[in-house]
Protein backbone atom coordinates (compact mmCIF):
# COMPACT_ATOMS: atom_id res chain seq x y z
CA UNK A 1 120.26 92.02 113.33
CA UNK A 2 119.79 95.51 111.84
CA UNK A 3 116.34 96.92 111.07
CA UNK A 4 117.11 96.71 107.33
CA UNK A 5 118.08 93.04 107.69
CA UNK A 6 114.86 92.37 109.63
CA UNK A 7 112.84 94.07 106.89
CA UNK A 8 114.56 92.01 104.21
CA UNK A 9 114.05 88.78 106.17
CA UNK A 10 110.44 89.78 106.73
CA UNK A 11 109.77 90.20 103.03
CA UNK A 12 111.40 86.88 102.23
CA UNK A 13 109.65 84.98 105.03
CA UNK A 14 106.17 86.41 104.75
CA UNK A 15 103.65 86.10 101.97
CA UNK A 16 104.11 89.39 100.10
CA UNK A 17 105.53 92.88 100.61
CA UNK A 18 102.00 94.19 101.11
CA UNK A 19 101.80 92.05 104.26
CA UNK A 20 104.68 94.00 105.79
CA UNK A 21 102.99 97.35 106.07
CA UNK A 22 102.91 98.97 109.48
CA UNK A 23 100.38 101.16 111.24
CA UNK A 24 101.24 104.84 111.42
CA UNK A 25 102.79 105.95 114.73
CA UNK A 26 99.98 108.46 115.37
CA UNK A 27 97.42 105.63 115.31
CA UNK A 28 99.54 103.53 117.62
CA UNK A 29 99.85 106.51 119.98
CA UNK A 30 96.06 106.38 120.32
CA UNK A 31 96.28 102.69 121.20
CA UNK A 32 99.05 103.27 123.74
CA UNK A 33 97.11 106.12 125.38
CA UNK A 34 94.04 103.87 125.54
CA UNK A 35 96.01 100.93 127.00
CA UNK A 36 98.77 102.59 129.04
CA UNK A 37 99.45 99.25 130.76
CA UNK A 38 100.36 97.80 127.36
CA UNK A 39 98.97 95.62 124.60
CA UNK A 40 98.71 91.91 125.38
CA UNK A 41 98.44 90.63 121.81
CA UNK A 42 99.13 91.81 118.28
CA UNK A 43 97.53 88.95 116.38
CA UNK A 44 98.53 90.14 112.87
CA UNK A 45 102.01 91.56 113.20
CA UNK A 46 105.06 91.32 110.99
CA UNK A 47 108.78 91.51 111.62
CA UNK A 48 108.95 95.07 110.27
CA UNK A 49 106.37 96.29 112.76
CA UNK A 50 108.14 94.47 115.57
CA UNK A 51 111.51 95.98 114.58
CA UNK A 52 110.05 99.49 114.36
CA UNK A 53 108.48 99.09 117.78
CA UNK A 54 105.25 100.89 116.91
CA UNK A 55 102.94 98.32 118.52
CA UNK A 56 105.12 96.97 121.35
CA UNK A 57 102.76 94.11 122.22
CA UNK A 58 103.76 91.57 124.83
CA UNK A 59 102.86 88.80 122.34
CA UNK A 60 103.04 89.41 118.57
CA UNK A 61 102.26 86.82 115.92
CA UNK A 62 103.49 87.14 112.35
CA UNK A 63 102.36 85.23 109.29
CA UNK A 64 104.83 82.54 110.34
CA UNK A 65 103.05 82.05 113.71
CA UNK A 66 99.65 82.27 111.95
CA UNK A 67 97.02 83.50 114.40
CA UNK A 68 94.47 81.14 112.82
CA UNK A 69 96.40 78.12 114.09
CA UNK A 70 96.89 79.32 117.68
CA UNK A 71 94.98 77.23 120.23
CA UNK A 72 93.91 80.36 122.14
CA UNK A 73 94.26 84.12 121.90
CA UNK A 74 93.90 84.47 125.67
CA UNK A 75 97.60 85.19 126.25
CA UNK A 76 97.16 87.39 129.34
CA UNK A 77 94.53 85.60 131.38
CA UNK A 78 92.01 86.78 132.36
CA UNK A 79 92.18 90.14 130.56
CA UNK A 80 93.82 89.93 127.15
CA UNK A 81 93.83 93.19 125.20
CA UNK A 82 94.13 92.60 121.47
CA UNK A 83 95.35 94.97 118.76
CA UNK A 84 93.94 93.60 115.51
CA UNK A 85 94.94 94.98 112.14
CA UNK A 86 94.38 92.15 109.68
CA UNK A 87 95.45 92.49 106.04
CA UNK A 88 93.08 94.83 104.23
CA UNK A 89 92.55 92.45 101.31
CA UNK A 90 90.75 89.12 101.09
CA UNK A 91 93.26 87.52 103.44
CA UNK A 92 91.90 89.55 106.34
CA UNK A 93 88.38 88.09 106.29
CA UNK A 94 89.21 84.66 107.80
CA UNK A 95 91.21 86.38 110.55
CA UNK A 96 88.34 88.67 111.52
CA UNK A 97 85.85 85.80 111.44
CA UNK A 98 88.18 83.72 113.64
CA UNK A 99 88.58 86.71 115.97
CA UNK A 100 84.74 86.88 116.24
CA UNK A 101 84.59 83.20 117.21
CA UNK A 102 87.27 83.73 119.84
CA UNK A 103 85.56 86.90 121.13
CA UNK A 104 82.29 85.01 121.46
CA UNK A 105 84.12 82.23 123.35
CA UNK A 106 85.38 84.79 125.89
CA UNK A 107 89.08 84.57 125.02
CA UNK A 108 89.56 88.35 124.85
CA UNK A 109 88.82 91.16 127.29
CA UNK A 110 89.09 94.09 124.90
CA UNK A 111 89.98 94.63 121.24
CA UNK A 112 90.86 97.58 119.08
CA UNK A 113 90.61 96.60 115.42
CA UNK A 114 91.82 98.80 112.57
CA UNK A 115 90.16 97.71 109.34
CA UNK A 116 89.21 98.97 105.92
CA UNK A 117 85.86 100.74 106.17
CA UNK A 118 83.77 98.51 103.93
CA UNK A 119 80.32 97.86 105.38
CA UNK A 120 79.43 95.45 102.58
CA UNK A 121 81.65 92.63 103.85
CA UNK A 122 80.88 89.77 106.21
CA UNK A 123 83.94 90.50 108.30
CA UNK A 124 82.90 94.15 108.77
CA UNK A 125 79.50 92.97 109.96
CA UNK A 126 81.17 90.51 112.37
CA UNK A 127 83.18 93.33 113.95
CA UNK A 128 80.36 95.86 113.89
CA UNK A 129 77.89 93.47 115.55
CA UNK A 130 80.21 93.17 118.56
CA UNK A 131 81.63 96.69 118.67
CA UNK A 132 80.83 99.12 121.46
CA UNK A 133 82.58 102.09 119.80
CA UNK A 134 83.63 103.12 116.31
CA UNK A 135 86.41 105.58 115.41
CA UNK A 136 86.28 107.41 112.11
CA UNK A 137 89.48 109.28 111.36
CA UNK A 138 89.51 112.85 110.07
CA UNK A 139 91.86 111.91 107.25
CA UNK A 140 92.76 108.78 105.35
CA UNK A 141 95.57 106.93 107.07
CA UNK A 142 99.08 106.49 105.80
CA UNK A 143 101.00 103.33 106.52
CA UNK A 144 104.69 102.55 106.70
CA UNK A 145 106.60 100.05 104.66
CA UNK A 146 110.22 99.23 105.44
CA UNK A 147 110.14 102.04 108.00
CA UNK A 148 109.18 104.69 105.45
CA UNK A 149 105.85 106.50 105.35
CA UNK A 150 104.04 105.81 102.09
CA UNK A 151 101.28 107.93 100.63
CA UNK A 152 97.87 107.84 102.22
CA UNK A 153 95.63 104.96 101.27
CA UNK A 154 92.95 105.29 98.59
CA UNK A 155 90.26 104.10 101.00
CA UNK A 156 89.02 104.96 104.46
CA UNK A 157 89.86 103.00 107.59
CA UNK A 158 87.93 102.66 110.82
CA UNK A 159 88.84 101.45 114.27
CA UNK A 160 86.29 99.44 116.24
CA UNK A 161 86.43 98.66 119.95
CA UNK A 162 84.95 95.67 121.70
CA UNK A 163 85.05 95.47 125.47
CA UNK A 164 83.80 93.40 128.37
CA UNK A 165 84.30 96.38 130.70
CA UNK A 166 81.71 99.13 131.15
CA UNK A 167 81.23 100.31 127.53
CA UNK A 168 80.40 103.90 128.53
CA UNK A 169 83.56 104.23 130.60
CA UNK A 170 85.71 102.68 127.88
CA UNK A 171 84.02 104.83 125.21
CA UNK A 172 85.03 107.97 127.13
CA UNK A 173 88.58 106.61 127.49
CA UNK A 174 88.71 105.99 123.73
CA UNK A 175 87.45 109.51 123.02
CA UNK A 176 90.22 110.91 125.19
CA UNK A 177 92.84 108.72 123.47
CA UNK A 178 91.69 109.64 119.95
CA UNK A 179 91.61 113.38 120.66
CA UNK A 180 91.36 115.48 117.49
CA UNK A 181 92.50 112.69 115.14
CA UNK A 182 88.93 111.49 114.64
CA UNK A 183 85.44 111.05 116.01
CA UNK A 184 84.26 108.25 118.30
CA UNK A 185 80.70 106.97 117.83
CA UNK A 186 78.17 104.53 119.43
């Protein structure tokens, strides 16, 4: 199936075109530098992102597979690494809150979560309470839709890391992976 056919099928099969946006390659390069051994789980993927190959997770769930209905997120026992970019709208809140429950239950080893920077929400607080590092990007991020870069977003994004490894060591690794694209705090 061609990429264009996958994109079309994606838009028909998933909730709305806005759910088929993809993370910019430069952000995913950070993730791949941070996890050179690969990403175990992309819990909020879509067929467009899979076709473009930006994330390249060993396990990727789309809206059809619905991460909220999965019995476990521990897909690479005992050390599942999770890339989490939930929808930026209201639909993302239940996913982040479910992620927090699964994190607390020990299902995940490490997570990088790219979310809208909105400290007033419950799901931000759920991530922030567990995070060991926070990345603020120098510029607002652009996303891709149907393989084409769209204009930068009208809001800021942040990436938060949670880890069960030594947080200082992983913080330094995240700083190295981010480079000059942003600042790493905590």
